[in-house]
Amino acid sequence: MDERTNLWTSVTLMALVGGAITALLYTERGRQSLARFEHALDDFGSSLQQLRGAVQKAALVAAQGVEVATEGVEAVSNLIGKTERRPGASVTH
């Protein structure tokens, strides 16, 4: 492409962008479209906040589950250790 073609392509693109911005800002329908878009973004932001809260709760529950499992393993280890330390105790299977 030569410089002249690049220039006209750029001018055409800028005119289209300018027309779209003008239509959004200076017409009633454009302002309504912007308002709907802004509302949709607000809803999306709220959804992301809810998702963040759910993920944080899931992480807390998972951590509590690991804690309980660890305590259970320790309790079983202590029971096994006590039965092995008793003198004369025999383990039957």
Protein backbone atom coordinates (compact mmCIF):
# COMPACT_ATOMS: atom_id res chain seq x y z
CA MET A 1 0.00 0.00 0.00
CA ASP A 2 1.22 3.46 -0.74
CA GLU A 3 1.00 6.49 1.54
CA ARG A 4 -2.09 7.89 -0.16
CA THR A 5 -4.05 4.65 0.46
CA ASN A 6 -2.92 4.60 4.09
CA LEU A 7 -4.00 8.20 4.53
CA TRP A 8 -7.51 7.61 3.14
CA THR A 9 -7.90 4.42 5.17
CA SER A 10 -6.97 6.33 8.33
CA VAL A 11 -9.28 9.25 7.51
CA THR A 12 -12.18 6.87 6.81
CA LEU A 13 -11.59 4.94 10.02
CA MET A 14 -11.40 8.11 12.12
CA ALA A 15 -14.59 9.43 10.51
CA LEU A 16 -16.40 6.22 11.38
CA VAL A 17 -15.13 6.30 14.99
CA GLY A 18 -16.07 9.97 15.29
CA GLY A 19 -19.54 9.27 13.90
CA ALA A 20 -20.08 6.43 16.35
CA ILE A 21 -18.99 8.56 19.31
CA THR A 22 -21.22 11.40 18.15
CA ALA A 23 -24.18 9.05 17.79
CA LEU A 24 -23.61 7.69 21.30
CA LEU A 25 -23.18 11.05 22.99
CA TYR A 26 -25.53 13.36 21.12
CA THR A 27 -28.59 11.27 20.34
CA GLU A 28 -31.24 10.05 22.76
CA ARG A 29 -30.90 6.48 21.53
CA GLY A 30 -27.11 6.66 21.93
CA ARG A 31 -27.40 7.94 25.50
CA GLN A 32 -29.88 5.15 26.29
CA SER A 33 -27.45 2.61 24.84
CA LEU A 34 -24.63 4.00 26.98
CA ALA A 35 -26.85 3.87 30.08
CA ARG A 36 -27.77 0.23 29.37
CA PHE A 37 -24.10 -0.61 28.81
CA GLU A 38 -23.13 1.08 32.07
CA HIS A 39 -25.88 -0.81 33.91
CA ALA A 40 -24.67 -4.09 32.39
CA LEU A 41 -21.13 -3.32 33.57
CA ASP A 42 -22.42 -2.58 37.08
CA ASP A 43 -24.27 -5.91 37.10
CA PHE A 44 -21.14 -7.68 35.89
CA GLY A 45 -19.10 -6.03 38.65
CA SER A 46 -21.64 -7.16 41.25
CA SER A 47 -21.50 -10.69 39.89
CA LEU A 48 -17.72 -10.67 40.17
CA GLN A 49 -17.97 -9.50 43.79
CA GLN A 50 -20.38 -12.35 44.55
CA LEU A 51 -18.03 -14.81 42.87
CA ARG A 52 -15.12 -13.48 44.93
CA GLY A 53 -17.14 -13.98 48.12
CA ALA A 54 -18.09 -17.53 47.11
CA VAL A 55 -14.47 -18.41 46.33
CA GLN A 56 -13.34 -17.01 49.68
CA LYS A 57 -16.00 -19.05 51.49
CA ALA A 58 -14.96 -22.18 49.58
CA ALA A 59 -11.33 -21.58 50.56
CA LEU A 60 -12.35 -21.19 54.22
CA VAL A 61 -14.40 -24.39 54.14
CA ALA A 62 -11.55 -26.26 52.44
CA ALA A 63 -9.10 -25.04 55.07
CA GLN A 64 -11.46 -26.16 57.83
CA GLY A 65 -11.79 -29.54 56.13
CA VAL A 66 -8.02 -29.95 56.03
CA GLU A 67 -7.85 -28.96 59.72
CA VAL A 68 -10.46 -31.55 60.68
CA ALA A 69 -8.75 -34.24 58.61
CA THR A 70 -5.39 -33.41 60.19
CA GLU A 71 -6.89 -33.60 63.68
CA GLY A 72 -8.46 -36.94 62.79
CA VAL A 73 -5.17 -38.34 61.54
CA GLU A 74 -3.41 -37.11 64.69
CA ALA A 75 -6.09 -38.67 66.90
CA VAL A 76 -5.81 -42.01 65.12
CA SER A 77 -2.00 -41.82 65.29
CA ASN A 78 -2.19 -41.17 69.04
CA LEU A 79 -4.54 -44.12 69.51
CA ILE A 80 -2.27 -46.39 67.50
CA GLY A 81 0.78 -45.09 69.37
CA LYS A 82 -0.87 -45.73 72.76
CA THR A 83 -1.78 -49.30 71.89
CA GLU A 84 1.74 -50.01 70.64
CA ARG A 85 3.34 -48.59 73.81
CA ARG A 86 1.32 -50.63 76.26
CA PRO A 87 3.48 -53.35 77.72
CA GLY A 88 2.06 -56.76 77.03
CA ALA A 89 -0.68 -55.47 74.77
CA SER A 90 -1.30 -57.46 71.67
CA VAL A 91 -3.05 -56.20 68.59
CA THR A 92 -5.49 -58.61 67.01
CA HIS A 93 -6.66 -58.37 63.45
